[in-house]
Amino acid sequence: MLSQPPAPRPQAPRGRRIQVRRSGVHGKGVFALQAIAEGEVIIEYLGEVISWDEAQERHPHDPAQPNHTFYFHVDEDHVIDANVGGNAARWINHSCEPNCWADEVQGRIFITALRDIAAGEELNYDYGLIIEERYTKKLKAQYACRCASPHCRGTMLAPKRGWRPLQPAPGGRRA
């Protein structure tokens, strides 16, 4: 477990703003029920904070889909397992051209709007998966992306060099 005091939770507007339902991208997805402004915190990614060793022992959650997990990398030693105590955030799908980003604040993950999001729009962020083994065609296919963005990489795997997640720059513009 993390030994730091809990981070203050950024405040989001009140009222039901998101809904989990079937997604055309993959399985379930999370959709905006009302407009969400750029920079708004939408939801915290909740689950049990565990060590990477524990995550390896639990893996896979579903042997039929070994590359599908609800793990979220927090730091070198910790991961959030949203399969245990998780919330709707675990259903947010990947996109190579996301409308959200994941902001880590003292070991907690907050999903925040990268741009204005319209009611009815599916929420997504770039998973930016990095795997230590060599990226082969087969490995990329195991992590195939279905986002259909014009800028789609074809895989949820992030390039090993020079890649960084899309996020707001100081002053509110995307970096």
N, C-alpha and C. Protein backbone atom coordinates (compact mmCIF):
# COMPACT_ATOMS: atom_id res chain seq x y z
N MET A 1 0.83 -1.19 0.00
CA MET A 1 0.00 0.00 0.00
C MET A 1 0.88 1.26 0.00
N LEU A 2 0.38 2.33 -0.57
CA LEU A 2 1.10 3.59 -0.58
C LEU A 2 1.08 4.19 0.81
N SER A 3 2.22 4.76 1.22
CA SER A 3 2.30 5.30 2.57
C SER A 3 2.07 6.81 2.61
N GLN A 4 1.86 7.45 1.48
CA GLN A 4 1.63 8.89 1.45
C GLN A 4 0.22 9.21 1.93
N PRO A 5 0.05 10.43 2.49
CA PRO A 5 -1.32 10.82 2.85
C PRO A 5 -2.15 10.93 1.58
N PRO A 6 -3.46 10.71 1.69
CA PRO A 6 -4.29 10.77 0.49
C PRO A 6 -4.26 12.15 -0.15
N ALA A 7 -4.25 12.14 -1.48
CA ALA A 7 -4.27 13.40 -2.23
C ALA A 7 -5.66 14.01 -2.14
N PRO A 8 -5.73 15.34 -2.14
CA PRO A 8 -7.07 15.93 -2.20
C PRO A 8 -7.70 15.57 -3.53
N ARG A 9 -8.95 15.23 -3.50
CA ARG A 9 -9.65 14.85 -4.73
C ARG A 9 -10.13 16.10 -5.45
N PRO A 10 -9.71 16.27 -6.72
CA PRO A 10 -10.25 17.40 -7.47
C PRO A 10 -11.77 17.32 -7.52
N GLN A 11 -12.40 18.47 -7.51
CA GLN A 11 -13.86 18.51 -7.49
C GLN A 11 -14.43 18.50 -8.91
N ALA A 12 -15.42 17.69 -9.10
CA ALA A 12 -16.15 17.64 -10.37
C ALA A 12 -17.55 18.17 -10.12
N PRO A 13 -18.18 18.73 -11.14
CA PRO A 13 -19.56 19.20 -10.96
C PRO A 13 -20.47 18.06 -10.51
N ARG A 14 -21.49 18.40 -9.77
CA ARG A 14 -22.44 17.41 -9.25
C ARG A 14 -23.40 16.92 -10.33
N GLY A 15 -24.05 15.80 -10.05
CA GLY A 15 -25.03 15.25 -10.98
C GLY A 15 -24.42 14.12 -11.80
N ARG A 16 -25.27 13.27 -12.28
CA ARG A 16 -24.81 12.13 -13.07
C ARG A 16 -24.34 12.63 -14.44
N ARG A 17 -23.08 12.42 -14.73
CA ARG A 17 -22.51 12.94 -15.96
C ARG A 17 -22.05 11.87 -16.94
N ILE A 18 -21.91 10.64 -16.45
CA ILE A 18 -21.43 9.57 -17.32
C ILE A 18 -22.26 8.30 -17.15
N GLN A 19 -22.18 7.43 -18.15
CA GLN A 19 -22.93 6.17 -18.12
C GLN A 19 -22.11 5.09 -18.81
N VAL A 20 -22.12 3.89 -18.23
CA VAL A 20 -21.49 2.73 -18.85
C VAL A 20 -22.52 2.04 -19.72
N ARG A 21 -22.15 1.77 -20.97
CA ARG A 21 -23.03 1.02 -21.86
C ARG A 21 -22.19 0.37 -22.96
N ARG A 22 -22.84 -0.40 -23.82
CA ARG A 22 -22.14 -1.07 -24.92
C ARG A 22 -21.42 -0.04 -25.78
N SER A 23 -20.23 -0.43 -26.23
CA SER A 23 -19.42 0.46 -27.05
C SER A 23 -19.13 -0.17 -28.41
N GLY A 24 -19.10 0.64 -29.43
CA GLY A 24 -18.71 0.17 -30.74
C GLY A 24 -17.21 -0.06 -30.85
N VAL A 25 -16.46 0.46 -29.89
CA VAL A 25 -15.01 0.28 -29.89
C VAL A 25 -14.65 -1.10 -29.35
N HIS A 26 -15.15 -1.41 -28.14
CA HIS A 26 -14.83 -2.70 -27.53
C HIS A 26 -15.71 -2.90 -26.30
N GLY A 27 -16.51 -3.94 -26.30
CA GLY A 27 -17.29 -4.31 -25.11
C GLY A 27 -18.08 -3.15 -24.54
N LYS A 28 -17.78 -2.83 -23.28
CA LYS A 28 -18.43 -1.70 -22.62
C LYS A 28 -17.59 -0.45 -22.80
N GLY A 29 -18.24 0.68 -22.70
CA GLY A 29 -17.57 1.97 -22.76
C GLY A 29 -18.25 2.93 -21.82
N VAL A 30 -17.67 4.10 -21.65
CA VAL A 30 -18.22 5.14 -20.79
C VAL A 30 -18.57 6.34 -21.67
N PHE A 31 -19.79 6.83 -21.50
CA PHE A 31 -20.31 7.90 -22.35
C PHE A 31 -20.73 9.10 -21.51
N ALA A 32 -20.53 10.29 -22.06
CA ALA A 32 -20.95 11.53 -21.39
C ALA A 32 -22.47 11.66 -21.51
N LEU A 33 -23.14 11.92 -20.40
CA LEU A 33 -24.58 12.17 -20.41
C LEU A 33 -24.88 13.65 -20.59
N GLN A 34 -23.88 14.47 -20.32
CA GLN A 34 -24.01 15.91 -20.50
C GLN A 34 -22.66 16.44 -20.97
N ALA A 35 -22.63 17.66 -21.44
CA ALA A 35 -21.38 18.26 -21.90
C ALA A 35 -20.39 18.34 -20.75
N ILE A 36 -19.12 18.07 -21.06
CA ILE A 36 -18.04 18.13 -20.08
C ILE A 36 -17.00 19.09 -20.64
N ALA A 37 -16.60 20.06 -19.85
CA ALA A 37 -15.65 21.08 -20.30
C ALA A 37 -14.21 20.59 -20.21
N GLU A 38 -13.39 21.08 -21.12
CA GLU A 38 -11.95 20.80 -21.09
C GLU A 38 -11.40 21.11 -19.70
N GLY A 39 -10.59 20.21 -19.17
CA GLY A 39 -9.96 20.41 -17.87
C GLY A 39 -10.76 19.89 -16.70
N GLU A 40 -12.03 19.52 -16.91
CA GLU A 40 -12.85 19.00 -15.81
C GLU A 40 -12.41 17.60 -15.43
N VAL A 41 -12.34 17.35 -14.12
CA VAL A 41 -12.12 16.00 -13.63
C VAL A 41 -13.45 15.26 -13.79
N ILE A 42 -13.40 14.10 -14.44
CA ILE A 42 -14.62 13.35 -14.72
C ILE A 42 -14.85 12.27 -13.68
N ILE A 43 -13.79 11.50 -13.39
CA ILE A 43 -13.93 10.38 -12.46
C ILE A 43 -12.54 9.95 -11.99
N GLU A 44 -12.48 9.43 -10.78
CA GLU A 44 -11.24 8.83 -10.28
C GLU A 44 -11.24 7.36 -10.65
N TYR A 45 -10.09 6.85 -11.08
CA TYR A 45 -9.93 5.43 -11.38
C TYR A 45 -9.72 4.71 -10.05
N LEU A 46 -10.75 3.99 -9.61
CA LEU A 46 -10.71 3.34 -8.30
C LEU A 46 -10.45 1.85 -8.41
N GLY A 47 -9.93 1.29 -7.35
CA GLY A 47 -9.67 -0.13 -7.25
C GLY A 47 -8.69 -0.37 -6.12
N GLU A 48 -8.29 -1.60 -5.97
CA GLU A 48 -7.34 -1.96 -4.92
C GLU A 48 -5.93 -1.63 -5.38
N VAL A 49 -5.18 -0.88 -4.55
CA VAL A 49 -3.79 -0.57 -4.86
C VAL A 49 -2.95 -1.75 -4.38
N ILE A 50 -2.24 -2.36 -5.34
CA ILE A 50 -1.43 -3.54 -5.04
C ILE A 50 -0.03 -3.37 -5.64
N SER A 51 0.86 -4.27 -5.26
CA SER A 51 2.21 -4.26 -5.82
C SER A 51 2.20 -4.91 -7.20
N TRP A 52 3.26 -4.65 -7.97
CA TRP A 52 3.38 -5.30 -9.28
C TRP A 52 3.49 -6.81 -9.10
N ASP A 53 4.16 -7.25 -8.03
CA ASP A 53 4.27 -8.70 -7.78
C ASP A 53 2.90 -9.32 -7.59
N GLU A 54 2.05 -8.65 -6.81
CA GLU A 54 0.68 -9.14 -6.60
C GLU A 54 -0.10 -9.14 -7.91
N ALA A 55 0.09 -8.11 -8.72
CA ALA A 55 -0.60 -8.04 -10.02
C ALA A 55 -0.19 -9.22 -10.90
N GLN A 56 1.09 -9.57 -10.88
CA GLN A 56 1.56 -10.71 -11.68
C GLN A 56 0.93 -12.02 -11.18
N GLU A 57 0.78 -12.15 -9.87
CA GLU A 57 0.16 -13.35 -9.30
C GLU A 57 -1.32 -13.44 -9.69
N ARG A 58 -2.01 -12.31 -9.78
CA ARG A 58 -3.44 -12.30 -10.12
C ARG A 58 -3.69 -12.47 -11.61
N HIS A 59 -2.70 -12.17 -12.42
CA HIS A 59 -2.86 -12.16 -13.87
C HIS A 59 -2.93 -13.57 -14.41
N PRO A 60 -3.77 -13.89 -15.38
CA PRO A 60 -4.79 -13.01 -15.94
C PRO A 60 -6.09 -13.10 -15.15
N HIS A 61 -6.86 -12.02 -15.17
CA HIS A 61 -8.19 -12.04 -14.54
C HIS A 61 -9.09 -13.03 -15.27
N ASP A 62 -8.99 -13.03 -16.59
CA ASP A 62 -9.81 -13.91 -17.42
C ASP A 62 -8.88 -14.66 -18.37
N PRO A 63 -8.62 -15.95 -18.11
CA PRO A 63 -7.71 -16.71 -18.97
C PRO A 63 -8.11 -16.70 -20.45
N ALA A 64 -9.39 -16.51 -20.74
CA ALA A 64 -9.84 -16.46 -22.14
C ALA A 64 -9.38 -15.16 -22.82
N GLN A 65 -9.11 -14.12 -22.02
CA GLN A 65 -8.63 -12.83 -22.54
C GLN A 65 -7.43 -12.37 -21.71
N PRO A 66 -6.28 -13.04 -21.86
CA PRO A 66 -5.15 -12.74 -20.98
C PRO A 66 -4.58 -11.33 -21.12
N ASN A 67 -4.82 -10.65 -22.23
CA ASN A 67 -4.30 -9.30 -22.40
C ASN A 67 -5.29 -8.22 -21.97
N HIS A 68 -6.43 -8.64 -21.44
CA HIS A 68 -7.43 -7.68 -20.97
C HIS A 68 -7.41 -7.66 -19.45
N THR A 69 -7.02 -6.53 -18.89
CA THR A 69 -7.01 -6.40 -17.43
C THR A 69 -7.64 -5.06 -17.06
N PHE A 70 -7.84 -4.88 -15.77
CA PHE A 70 -8.28 -3.59 -15.26
C PHE A 70 -7.16 -2.99 -14.40
N TYR A 71 -5.91 -3.27 -14.77
CA TYR A 71 -4.76 -2.72 -14.06
C TYR A 71 -4.45 -1.33 -14.59
N PHE A 72 -4.07 -0.44 -13.68
CA PHE A 72 -3.62 0.89 -14.07
C PHE A 72 -2.30 1.14 -13.35
N HIS A 73 -1.25 1.37 -14.12
CA HIS A 73 0.09 1.62 -13.59
C HIS A 73 0.09 2.95 -12.82
N VAL A 74 0.53 2.90 -11.55
CA VAL A 74 0.60 4.11 -10.74
C VAL A 74 2.04 4.60 -10.68
N ASP A 75 2.95 3.72 -10.27
CA ASP A 75 4.37 4.06 -10.20
C ASP A 75 5.17 2.77 -10.33
N GLU A 76 6.47 2.85 -10.07
CA GLU A 76 7.35 1.68 -10.26
C GLU A 76 6.93 0.48 -9.41
N ASP A 77 6.26 0.73 -8.30
CA ASP A 77 5.93 -0.34 -7.36
C ASP A 77 4.45 -0.69 -7.25
N HIS A 78 3.58 0.17 -7.76
CA HIS A 78 2.15 -0.01 -7.51
C HIS A 78 1.30 0.02 -8.77
N VAL A 79 0.18 -0.68 -8.67
CA VAL A 79 -0.81 -0.73 -9.74
C VAL A 79 -2.18 -0.70 -9.08
N ILE A 80 -3.16 -0.12 -9.75
CA ILE A 80 -4.54 -0.17 -9.26
C ILE A 80 -5.22 -1.32 -9.98
N ASP A 81 -5.80 -2.23 -9.22
CA ASP A 81 -6.57 -3.34 -9.78
C ASP A 81 -8.05 -2.99 -9.65
N ALA A 82 -8.63 -2.49 -10.73
CA ALA A 82 -10.04 -2.08 -10.71
C ALA A 82 -10.99 -3.27 -10.79
N ASN A 83 -10.45 -4.47 -10.90
CA ASN A 83 -11.29 -5.67 -10.82
C ASN A 83 -11.77 -5.87 -9.38
N VAL A 84 -11.07 -5.24 -8.44
CA VAL A 84 -11.42 -5.30 -7.02
C VAL A 84 -11.73 -3.88 -6.56
N GLY A 85 -13.00 -3.59 -6.32
CA GLY A 85 -13.40 -2.27 -5.84
C GLY A 85 -13.37 -1.18 -6.90
N GLY A 86 -13.38 -1.58 -8.16
CA GLY A 86 -13.32 -0.60 -9.24
C GLY A 86 -14.66 0.07 -9.50
N ASN A 87 -14.63 1.10 -10.31
CA ASN A 87 -15.84 1.85 -10.66
C ASN A 87 -15.96 1.95 -12.18
N ALA A 88 -16.79 2.85 -12.65
CA ALA A 88 -17.03 2.99 -14.09
C ALA A 88 -15.77 3.34 -14.88
N ALA A 89 -14.78 3.95 -14.25
CA ALA A 89 -13.56 4.34 -14.96
C ALA A 89 -12.88 3.16 -15.64
N ARG A 90 -13.05 1.96 -15.09
CA ARG A 90 -12.38 0.79 -15.68
C ARG A 90 -12.91 0.46 -17.06
N TRP A 91 -14.06 1.00 -17.44
CA TRP A 91 -14.66 0.71 -18.74
C TRP A 91 -14.31 1.76 -19.80
N ILE A 92 -13.49 2.75 -19.45
CA ILE A 92 -13.10 3.76 -20.44
C ILE A 92 -12.14 3.11 -21.43
N ASN A 93 -12.49 3.18 -22.71
CA ASN A 93 -11.70 2.54 -23.76
C ASN A 93 -10.53 3.41 -24.20
N HIS A 94 -9.61 2.76 -24.90
CA HIS A 94 -8.43 3.40 -25.47
C HIS A 94 -8.77 4.13 -26.76
N SER A 95 -8.06 5.22 -27.03
CA SER A 95 -8.07 5.86 -28.34
C SER A 95 -6.70 6.46 -28.59
N CYS A 96 -6.25 6.38 -29.83
CA CYS A 96 -4.98 7.01 -30.21
C CYS A 96 -5.13 8.53 -30.33
N GLU A 97 -6.37 9.01 -30.36
CA GLU A 97 -6.68 10.44 -30.40
C GLU A 97 -7.73 10.70 -29.32
N PRO A 98 -7.28 10.68 -28.05
CA PRO A 98 -8.21 10.69 -26.91
C PRO A 98 -8.85 12.04 -26.62
N ASN A 99 -9.97 11.96 -25.88
CA ASN A 99 -10.62 13.18 -25.39
C ASN A 99 -10.40 13.36 -23.89
N CYS A 100 -9.71 12.41 -23.27
CA CYS A 100 -9.39 12.47 -21.84
C CYS A 100 -7.92 12.11 -21.63
N TRP A 101 -7.44 12.38 -20.44
CA TRP A 101 -6.12 11.92 -20.05
C TRP A 101 -6.17 11.50 -18.60
N ALA A 102 -5.23 10.69 -18.21
CA ALA A 102 -5.16 10.17 -16.84
C ALA A 102 -4.12 10.97 -16.08
N ASP A 103 -4.55 11.67 -15.05
CA ASP A 103 -3.70 12.53 -14.24
C ASP A 103 -3.39 11.82 -12.92
N GLU A 104 -2.11 11.54 -12.67
CA GLU A 104 -1.71 10.89 -11.42
C GLU A 104 -1.40 11.97 -10.39
N VAL A 105 -2.07 11.90 -9.24
CA VAL A 105 -1.85 12.84 -8.15
C VAL A 105 -1.64 12.03 -6.88
N GLN A 106 -0.40 12.00 -6.39
CA GLN A 106 -0.05 11.28 -5.16
C GLN A 106 -0.62 9.87 -5.13
N GLY A 107 -0.39 9.12 -6.19
CA GLY A 107 -0.80 7.72 -6.21
C GLY A 107 -2.25 7.48 -6.57
N ARG A 108 -2.97 8.54 -6.90
CA ARG A 108 -4.36 8.41 -7.32
C ARG A 108 -4.47 8.84 -8.78
N ILE A 109 -5.39 8.24 -9.52
CA ILE A 109 -5.55 8.51 -10.94
C ILE A 109 -6.90 9.19 -11.17
N PHE A 110 -6.86 10.36 -11.80
CA PHE A 110 -8.07 11.11 -12.11
C PHE A 110 -8.19 11.24 -13.63
N ILE A 111 -9.33 10.83 -14.17
CA ILE A 111 -9.59 10.94 -15.60
C ILE A 111 -10.16 12.34 -15.83
N THR A 112 -9.47 13.11 -16.68
CA THR A 112 -9.76 14.52 -16.89
C THR A 112 -9.98 14.80 -18.37
N ALA A 113 -10.90 15.69 -18.68
CA ALA A 113 -11.20 16.03 -20.07
C ALA A 113 -10.05 16.80 -20.70
N LEU A 114 -9.55 16.30 -21.83
CA LEU A 114 -8.49 16.96 -22.59
C LEU A 114 -9.05 18.10 -23.44
N ARG A 115 -10.30 17.99 -23.77
CA ARG A 115 -10.98 18.98 -24.61
C ARG A 115 -12.45 18.96 -24.21
N ASP A 116 -13.23 19.86 -24.74
CA ASP A 116 -14.67 19.83 -24.50
C ASP A 116 -15.23 18.52 -25.07
N ILE A 117 -16.10 17.88 -24.31
CA ILE A 117 -16.71 16.61 -24.70
C ILE A 117 -18.22 16.81 -24.76
N ALA A 118 -18.81 16.43 -25.87
CA ALA A 118 -20.25 16.61 -26.07
C ALA A 118 -21.04 15.49 -25.40
N ALA A 119 -22.27 15.80 -25.00
CA ALA A 119 -23.17 14.77 -24.48
C ALA A 119 -23.30 13.67 -25.52
N GLY A 120 -23.25 12.42 -25.08
CA GLY A 120 -23.37 11.27 -25.98
C GLY A 120 -22.04 10.75 -26.48
N GLU A 121 -20.98 11.52 -26.33
CA GLU A 121 -19.66 11.11 -26.82
C GLU A 121 -19.03 10.08 -25.89
N GLU A 122 -18.35 9.10 -26.47
CA GLU A 122 -17.65 8.10 -25.66
C GLU A 122 -16.35 8.69 -25.13
N LEU A 123 -16.08 8.45 -23.85
CA LEU A 123 -14.84 8.89 -23.22
C LEU A 123 -13.74 7.90 -23.56
N ASN A 124 -12.52 8.41 -23.73
CA ASN A 124 -11.39 7.53 -24.01
C ASN A 124 -10.09 8.24 -23.65
N TYR A 125 -9.05 7.46 -23.42
CA TYR A 125 -7.71 8.00 -23.23
C TYR A 125 -6.73 7.03 -23.86
N ASP A 126 -5.52 7.49 -24.09
CA ASP A 126 -4.49 6.66 -24.71
C ASP A 126 -3.87 5.80 -23.62
N TYR A 127 -4.07 4.49 -23.71
CA TYR A 127 -3.53 3.58 -22.69
C TYR A 127 -2.01 3.64 -22.65
N GLY A 128 -1.38 3.87 -23.79
CA GLY A 128 0.08 3.98 -23.81
C GLY A 128 0.78 2.78 -23.22
N LEU A 129 0.33 1.59 -23.57
CA LEU A 129 0.92 0.37 -23.01
C LEU A 129 2.35 0.20 -23.50
N ILE A 130 3.24 -0.13 -22.59
CA ILE A 130 4.63 -0.42 -22.95
C ILE A 130 4.98 -1.78 -22.36
N ILE A 131 5.44 -2.65 -23.23
CA ILE A 131 5.81 -4.01 -22.84
C ILE A 131 7.29 -4.18 -23.12
N GLU A 132 7.99 -4.84 -22.21
CA GLU A 132 9.44 -4.95 -22.34
C GLU A 132 9.89 -5.78 -23.53
N GLU A 133 9.11 -6.78 -23.93
CA GLU A 133 9.55 -7.61 -25.05
C GLU A 133 9.51 -6.85 -26.37
N ARG A 134 10.19 -7.39 -27.37
CA ARG A 134 10.26 -6.78 -28.70
C ARG A 134 8.85 -6.70 -29.31
N TYR A 135 8.54 -5.55 -29.92
CA TYR A 135 7.25 -5.36 -30.56
C TYR A 135 7.26 -6.05 -31.92
N THR A 136 6.60 -7.17 -31.99
CA THR A 136 6.46 -7.91 -33.25
C THR A 136 5.07 -7.64 -33.81
N LYS A 137 4.87 -8.04 -35.05
CA LYS A 137 3.55 -7.91 -35.66
C LYS A 137 2.51 -8.67 -34.82
N LYS A 138 2.90 -9.85 -34.36
CA LYS A 138 2.00 -10.69 -33.57
C LYS A 138 1.64 -10.00 -32.25
N LEU A 139 2.64 -9.44 -31.57
CA LEU A 139 2.39 -8.76 -30.29
C LEU A 139 1.50 -7.53 -30.51
N LYS A 140 1.78 -6.75 -31.53
CA LYS A 140 0.94 -5.58 -31.82
C LYS A 140 -0.50 -6.00 -32.10
N ALA A 141 -0.67 -7.12 -32.79
CA ALA A 141 -2.02 -7.62 -33.09
C ALA A 141 -2.74 -8.07 -31.82
N GLN A 142 -1.99 -8.59 -30.84
CA GLN A 142 -2.61 -9.00 -29.57
C GLN A 142 -3.18 -7.80 -28.83
N TYR A 143 -2.61 -6.62 -29.09
CA TYR A 143 -3.06 -5.38 -28.46
C TYR A 143 -3.63 -4.44 -29.53
N ALA A 144 -4.39 -5.01 -30.45
CA ALA A 144 -4.94 -4.24 -31.57
C ALA A 144 -5.83 -3.10 -31.08
N CYS A 145 -5.69 -1.97 -31.74
CA CYS A 145 -6.52 -0.81 -31.43
C CYS A 145 -7.72 -0.80 -32.37
N ARG A 146 -8.87 -0.44 -31.83
CA ARG A 146 -10.10 -0.36 -32.62
C ARG A 146 -10.70 1.04 -32.59
N CYS A 147 -9.87 2.03 -32.30
CA CYS A 147 -10.40 3.39 -32.09
C CYS A 147 -10.91 4.06 -33.37
N ALA A 148 -10.42 3.66 -34.52
CA ALA A 148 -10.84 4.21 -35.82
C ALA A 148 -10.48 5.68 -36.01
N SER A 149 -9.56 6.20 -35.21
CA SER A 149 -9.09 7.57 -35.38
C SER A 149 -8.26 7.66 -36.66
N PRO A 150 -8.28 8.81 -37.33
CA PRO A 150 -7.41 8.98 -38.50
C PRO A 150 -5.93 8.86 -38.13
N HIS A 151 -5.61 9.03 -36.84
CA HIS A 151 -4.23 8.96 -36.37
C HIS A 151 -3.95 7.66 -35.62
N CYS A 152 -4.76 6.65 -35.85
CA CYS A 152 -4.63 5.37 -35.13
C CYS A 152 -3.27 4.72 -35.41
N ARG A 153 -2.62 4.25 -34.34
CA ARG A 153 -1.34 3.52 -34.45
C ARG A 153 -1.56 2.07 -34.84
N GLY A 154 -2.81 1.60 -34.73
CA GLY A 154 -3.10 0.20 -35.02
C GLY A 154 -2.91 -0.72 -33.84
N THR A 155 -2.36 -0.20 -32.76
CA THR A 155 -2.11 -0.97 -31.55
C THR A 155 -2.22 -0.05 -30.34
N MET A 156 -2.57 -0.63 -29.19
CA MET A 156 -2.62 0.15 -27.95
C MET A 156 -1.23 0.29 -27.34
N LEU A 157 -0.25 -0.42 -27.92
CA LEU A 157 1.13 -0.31 -27.45
C LEU A 157 1.69 1.05 -27.86
N ALA A 158 2.36 1.69 -26.93
CA ALA A 158 2.99 2.98 -27.21
C ALA A 158 4.39 2.74 -27.76
N PRO A 159 4.86 3.62 -28.63
CA PRO A 159 6.25 3.50 -29.06
C PRO A 159 7.16 3.54 -27.83
N LYS A 160 8.22 2.74 -27.86
CA LYS A 160 9.10 2.66 -26.68
C LYS A 160 9.95 3.90 -26.50
N ARG A 161 10.24 4.61 -27.60
CA ARG A 161 11.07 5.81 -27.50
C ARG A 161 10.30 7.04 -27.96
N GLY A 162 10.50 8.12 -27.23
CA GLY A 162 9.95 9.39 -27.66
C GLY A 162 8.45 9.58 -27.47
N TRP A 163 7.77 8.61 -26.89
CA TRP A 163 6.33 8.72 -26.72
C TRP A 163 6.02 9.28 -25.34
N ARG A 164 5.03 10.12 -25.29
CA ARG A 164 4.48 10.56 -23.99
C ARG A 164 2.99 10.77 -24.19
N PRO A 165 2.21 10.52 -23.15
CA PRO A 165 0.76 10.65 -23.31
C PRO A 165 0.36 12.09 -23.58
N LEU A 166 -0.69 12.25 -24.35
CA LEU A 166 -1.25 13.56 -24.62
C LEU A 166 -1.85 14.09 -23.33
N GLN A 167 -1.47 15.30 -22.96
CA GLN A 167 -1.99 15.90 -21.74
C GLN A 167 -1.95 17.41 -21.87
N PRO A 168 -2.71 18.10 -21.03
CA PRO A 168 -2.70 19.56 -21.12
C PRO A 168 -1.33 20.12 -20.75
N ALA A 169 -0.92 21.15 -21.44
CA ALA A 169 0.31 21.86 -21.10
C ALA A 169 -0.05 22.97 -20.13
N PRO A 170 0.94 23.54 -19.45
CA PRO A 170 0.64 24.68 -18.58
C PRO A 170 -0.11 25.74 -19.38
N GLY A 171 -1.13 26.30 -18.80
CA GLY A 171 -1.94 27.30 -19.48
C GLY A 171 -3.17 26.72 -20.14
N GLY A 172 -3.33 25.38 -20.05
CA GLY A 172 -4.56 24.76 -20.51
C GLY A 172 -4.56 24.19 -21.91
N ARG A 173 -3.55 24.45 -22.70
CA ARG A 173 -3.52 23.88 -24.05
C ARG A 173 -2.85 22.51 -24.01
N ARG A 174 -3.27 21.64 -24.93
CA ARG A 174 -2.72 20.29 -24.96
C ARG A 174 -1.26 20.31 -25.37
N ALA A 175 -0.48 19.42 -24.73
CA ALA A 175 0.94 19.30 -25.07
C ALA A 175 1.13 18.28 -26.17
